[in-house]
Amino acid sequence: MEYLGYSNVRVTPVGADGGVDVSSDEAYAQVKAKTAPTGISDIQRHFGVCQAATRTPLFFSLAGYTTSAMQWAERARMALFRFDLQGQPEPVSATARDIVDSTAL
């Protein structure tokens, strides 16, 4: 998240995190390292948490996303990223690509 330009980035302590794994002054991120694609319910839940806290929702998934999750996130303008085993993120939604493009010099 620091690479994407967010400030005061911190990892949420282990335990009940309300669906927020990493937070910053501007955004909350959830990270899923499951081997199955992330579904729409996880996306919607995280979006709701971020809306209530007035934070930009970011989602990172190792296995990618289901088609319904991708479609919903596009309509909601939510940033979805996929990451590899080295932790390298890749934008997979239009909003995520916009965020990455805005950080390019």
C-alpha atoms as a PDB file:
ATOM      1  CA  MET A   1       0.000   0.000   0.000  1.00  0.00           C
ATOM      2  CA  GLU A   2       2.917   2.335   0.623  1.00  0.00           C
ATOM      3  CA  TYR A   3       4.051   1.715  -2.951  1.00  0.00           C
ATOM      4  CA  LEU A   4       0.588   2.783  -4.106  1.00  0.00           C
ATOM      5  CA  GLY A   5       0.938   6.094  -2.261  1.00  0.00           C
ATOM      6  CA  TYR A   6      -1.054   5.451   0.899  1.00  0.00           C
ATOM      7  CA  SER A   7       0.213   6.987   4.139  1.00  0.00           C
ATOM      8  CA  ASN A   8       0.690   5.601   7.632  1.00  0.00           C
ATOM      9  CA  VAL A   9       0.286   1.982   6.466  1.00  0.00           C
ATOM     10  CA  ARG A  10       0.086  -0.623   9.195  1.00  0.00           C
ATOM     11  CA  VAL A  11      -0.711  -4.336   9.418  1.00  0.00           C
ATOM     12  CA  THR A  12      -3.661  -5.243  11.629  1.00  0.00           C
ATOM     13  CA  PRO A  13      -2.609  -7.303  14.667  1.00  0.00           C
ATOM     14  CA  VAL A  14      -3.443 -11.009  14.653  1.00  0.00           C
ATOM     15  CA  GLY A  15      -6.942 -11.679  15.932  1.00  0.00           C
ATOM     16  CA  ALA A  16     -10.375 -10.352  15.112  1.00  0.00           C
ATOM     17  CA  ASP A  17      -9.778  -7.671  12.501  1.00  0.00           C
ATOM     18  CA  GLY A  18     -13.257  -7.049  11.123  1.00  0.00           C
ATOM     19  CA  GLY A  19     -12.041  -7.968   7.649  1.00  0.00           C
ATOM     20  CA  VAL A  20      -9.225  -5.409   7.596  1.00  0.00           C
ATOM     21  CA  ASP A  21      -5.734  -6.886   7.238  1.00  0.00           C
ATOM     22  CA  VAL A  22      -3.845  -3.683   6.390  1.00  0.00           C
ATOM     23  CA  SER A  23      -4.942  -0.111   7.045  1.00  0.00           C
ATOM     24  CA  SER A  24      -3.788   3.374   6.185  1.00  0.00           C
ATOM     25  CA  ASP A  25      -5.103   6.867   6.702  1.00  0.00           C
ATOM     26  CA  GLU A  26      -6.971   6.606   3.383  1.00  0.00           C
ATOM     27  CA  ALA A  27      -7.700   2.907   2.738  1.00  0.00           C
ATOM     28  CA  TYR A  28      -8.351  -0.531   4.197  1.00  0.00           C
ATOM     29  CA  ALA A  29      -7.104  -3.703   2.534  1.00  0.00           C
ATOM     30  CA  GLN A  30      -8.128  -7.280   2.890  1.00  0.00           C
ATOM     31  CA  VAL A  31      -5.737 -10.034   1.819  1.00  0.00           C
ATOM     32  CA  LYS A  32      -6.812 -13.582   0.937  1.00  0.00           C
ATOM     33  CA  ALA A  33      -4.124 -16.239   0.482  1.00  0.00           C
ATOM     34  CA  LYS A  34      -6.606 -19.024  -0.280  1.00  0.00           C
ATOM     35  CA  THR A  35      -6.182 -21.398  -3.218  1.00  0.00           C
ATOM     36  CA  ALA A  36      -9.784 -20.814  -4.372  1.00  0.00           C
ATOM     37  CA  PRO A  37     -10.880 -17.589  -6.078  1.00  0.00           C
ATOM     38  CA  THR A  38     -12.364 -14.949  -3.774  1.00  0.00           C
ATOM     39  CA  GLY A  39     -16.130 -14.714  -4.061  1.00  0.00           C
ATOM     40  CA  ILE A  40     -18.615 -11.895  -4.130  1.00  0.00           C
ATOM     41  CA  SER A  41     -19.596 -12.142  -0.435  1.00  0.00           C
ATOM     42  CA  ASP A  42     -16.025 -11.410   0.727  1.00  0.00           C
ATOM     43  CA  ILE A  43     -15.818  -8.451  -1.668  1.00  0.00           C
ATOM     44  CA  GLN A  44     -19.159  -7.020  -0.585  1.00  0.00           C
ATOM     45  CA  ARG A  45     -18.390  -7.437   3.126  1.00  0.00           C
ATOM     46  CA  HIS A  46     -15.078  -5.596   2.804  1.00  0.00           C
ATOM     47  CA  PHE A  47     -16.700  -2.868   0.720  1.00  0.00           C
ATOM     48  CA  GLY A  48     -19.283  -2.313   3.488  1.00  0.00           C
ATOM     49  CA  VAL A  49     -16.607  -2.090   6.192  1.00  0.00           C
ATOM     50  CA  CYS A  50     -14.737   0.503   4.122  1.00  0.00           C
ATOM     51  CA  GLN A  51     -17.863   2.524   3.353  1.00  0.00           C
ATOM     52  CA  ALA A  52     -18.735   2.712   7.065  1.00  0.00           C
ATOM     53  CA  ALA A  53     -15.213   3.937   7.869  1.00  0.00           C
ATOM     54  CA  THR A  54     -14.956   6.234   4.810  1.00  0.00           C
ATOM     55  CA  ARG A  55     -11.861   4.398   3.565  1.00  0.00           C
ATOM     56  CA  THR A  56     -10.981   3.322   0.031  1.00  0.00           C
ATOM     57  CA  PRO A  57     -11.499  -0.445  -0.280  1.00  0.00           C
ATOM     58  CA  LEU A  58      -8.556  -2.477  -1.601  1.00  0.00           C
ATOM     59  CA  PHE A  59      -8.639  -6.244  -1.981  1.00  0.00           C
ATOM     60  CA  PHE A  60      -5.668  -8.549  -2.640  1.00  0.00           C
ATOM     61  CA  SER A  61      -6.158 -12.226  -3.571  1.00  0.00           C
ATOM     62  CA  LEU A  62      -3.667 -14.991  -4.352  1.00  0.00           C
ATOM     63  CA  ALA A  63      -6.133 -17.077  -6.390  1.00  0.00           C
ATOM     64  CA  GLY A  64      -7.965 -14.214  -8.096  1.00  0.00           C
ATOM     65  CA  TYR A  65     -11.712 -13.686  -8.067  1.00  0.00           C
ATOM     66  CA  THR A  66     -14.898 -15.339  -9.232  1.00  0.00           C
ATOM     67  CA  THR A  67     -16.632 -13.815 -12.242  1.00  0.00           C
ATOM     68  CA  SER A  68     -19.483 -12.492 -10.087  1.00  0.00           C
ATOM     69  CA  ALA A  69     -17.009 -10.860  -7.668  1.00  0.00           C
ATOM     70  CA  MET A  70     -15.182  -9.179 -10.573  1.00  0.00           C
ATOM     71  CA  GLN A  71     -18.426  -7.902 -12.096  1.00  0.00           C
ATOM     72  CA  TRP A  72     -19.698  -6.544  -8.784  1.00  0.00           C
ATOM     73  CA  ALA A  73     -16.375  -4.843  -7.996  1.00  0.00           C
ATOM     74  CA  GLU A  74     -16.317  -3.170 -11.422  1.00  0.00           C
ATOM     75  CA  ARG A  75     -19.808  -1.743 -10.867  1.00  0.00           C
ATOM     76  CA  ALA A  76     -18.838  -0.569  -7.350  1.00  0.00           C
ATOM     77  CA  ARG A  77     -15.509   0.835  -8.613  1.00  0.00           C
ATOM     78  CA  MET A  78     -13.578  -1.272  -6.110  1.00  0.00           C
ATOM     79  CA  ALA A  79      -9.857  -1.931  -6.493  1.00  0.00           C
ATOM     80  CA  LEU A  80      -9.013  -5.620  -6.876  1.00  0.00           C
ATOM     81  CA  PHE A  81      -5.454  -6.912  -7.046  1.00  0.00           C
ATOM     82  CA  ARG A  82      -4.039 -10.377  -7.530  1.00  0.00           C
ATOM     83  CA  PHE A  83      -0.679 -11.228  -5.991  1.00  0.00           C
ATOM     84  CA  ASP A  84       1.847 -13.984  -6.637  1.00  0.00           C
ATOM     85  CA  LEU A  85       3.741 -16.118  -4.125  1.00  0.00           C
ATOM     86  CA  GLN A  86       6.404 -13.416  -3.856  1.00  0.00           C
ATOM     87  CA  GLY A  87       3.713 -10.903  -2.887  1.00  0.00           C
ATOM     88  CA  GLN A  88       3.917  -8.923  -6.126  1.00  0.00           C
ATOM     89  CA  PRO A  89       0.509  -7.262  -6.737  1.00  0.00           C
ATOM     90  CA  GLU A  90      -1.108  -6.944 -10.150  1.00  0.00           C
ATOM     91  CA  PRO A  91      -4.234  -4.822 -10.740  1.00  0.00           C
ATOM     92  CA  VAL A  92      -7.188  -6.814 -12.069  1.00  0.00           C
ATOM     93  CA  SER A  93      -9.966  -4.209 -11.934  1.00  0.00           C
ATOM     94  CA  ALA A  94     -10.239  -0.857 -13.679  1.00  0.00           C
ATOM     95  CA  THR A  95     -10.096   1.005 -10.360  1.00  0.00           C
ATOM     96  CA  ALA A  96      -6.946  -0.871  -9.331  1.00  0.00           C
ATOM     97  CA  ARG A  97      -5.341  -0.021 -12.691  1.00  0.00           C
ATOM     98  CA  ASP A  98      -6.253   3.641 -12.148  1.00  0.00           C
ATOM     99  CA  ILE A  99      -4.547   3.590  -8.739  1.00  0.00           C
ATOM    100  CA  VAL A 100      -1.392   1.999 -10.194  1.00  0.00           C
ATOM    101  CA  ASP A 101      -1.368   4.443 -13.129  1.00  0.00           C
ATOM    102  CA  SER A 102      -1.662   7.412 -10.760  1.00  0.00           C
ATOM    103  CA  THR A 103       1.506   6.302  -8.929  1.00  0.00           C
ATOM    104  CA  ALA A 104       3.594   5.998 -12.132  1.00  0.00           C
ATOM    105  CA  LEU A 105       6.072   8.805 -12.626  1.00  0.00           C
END
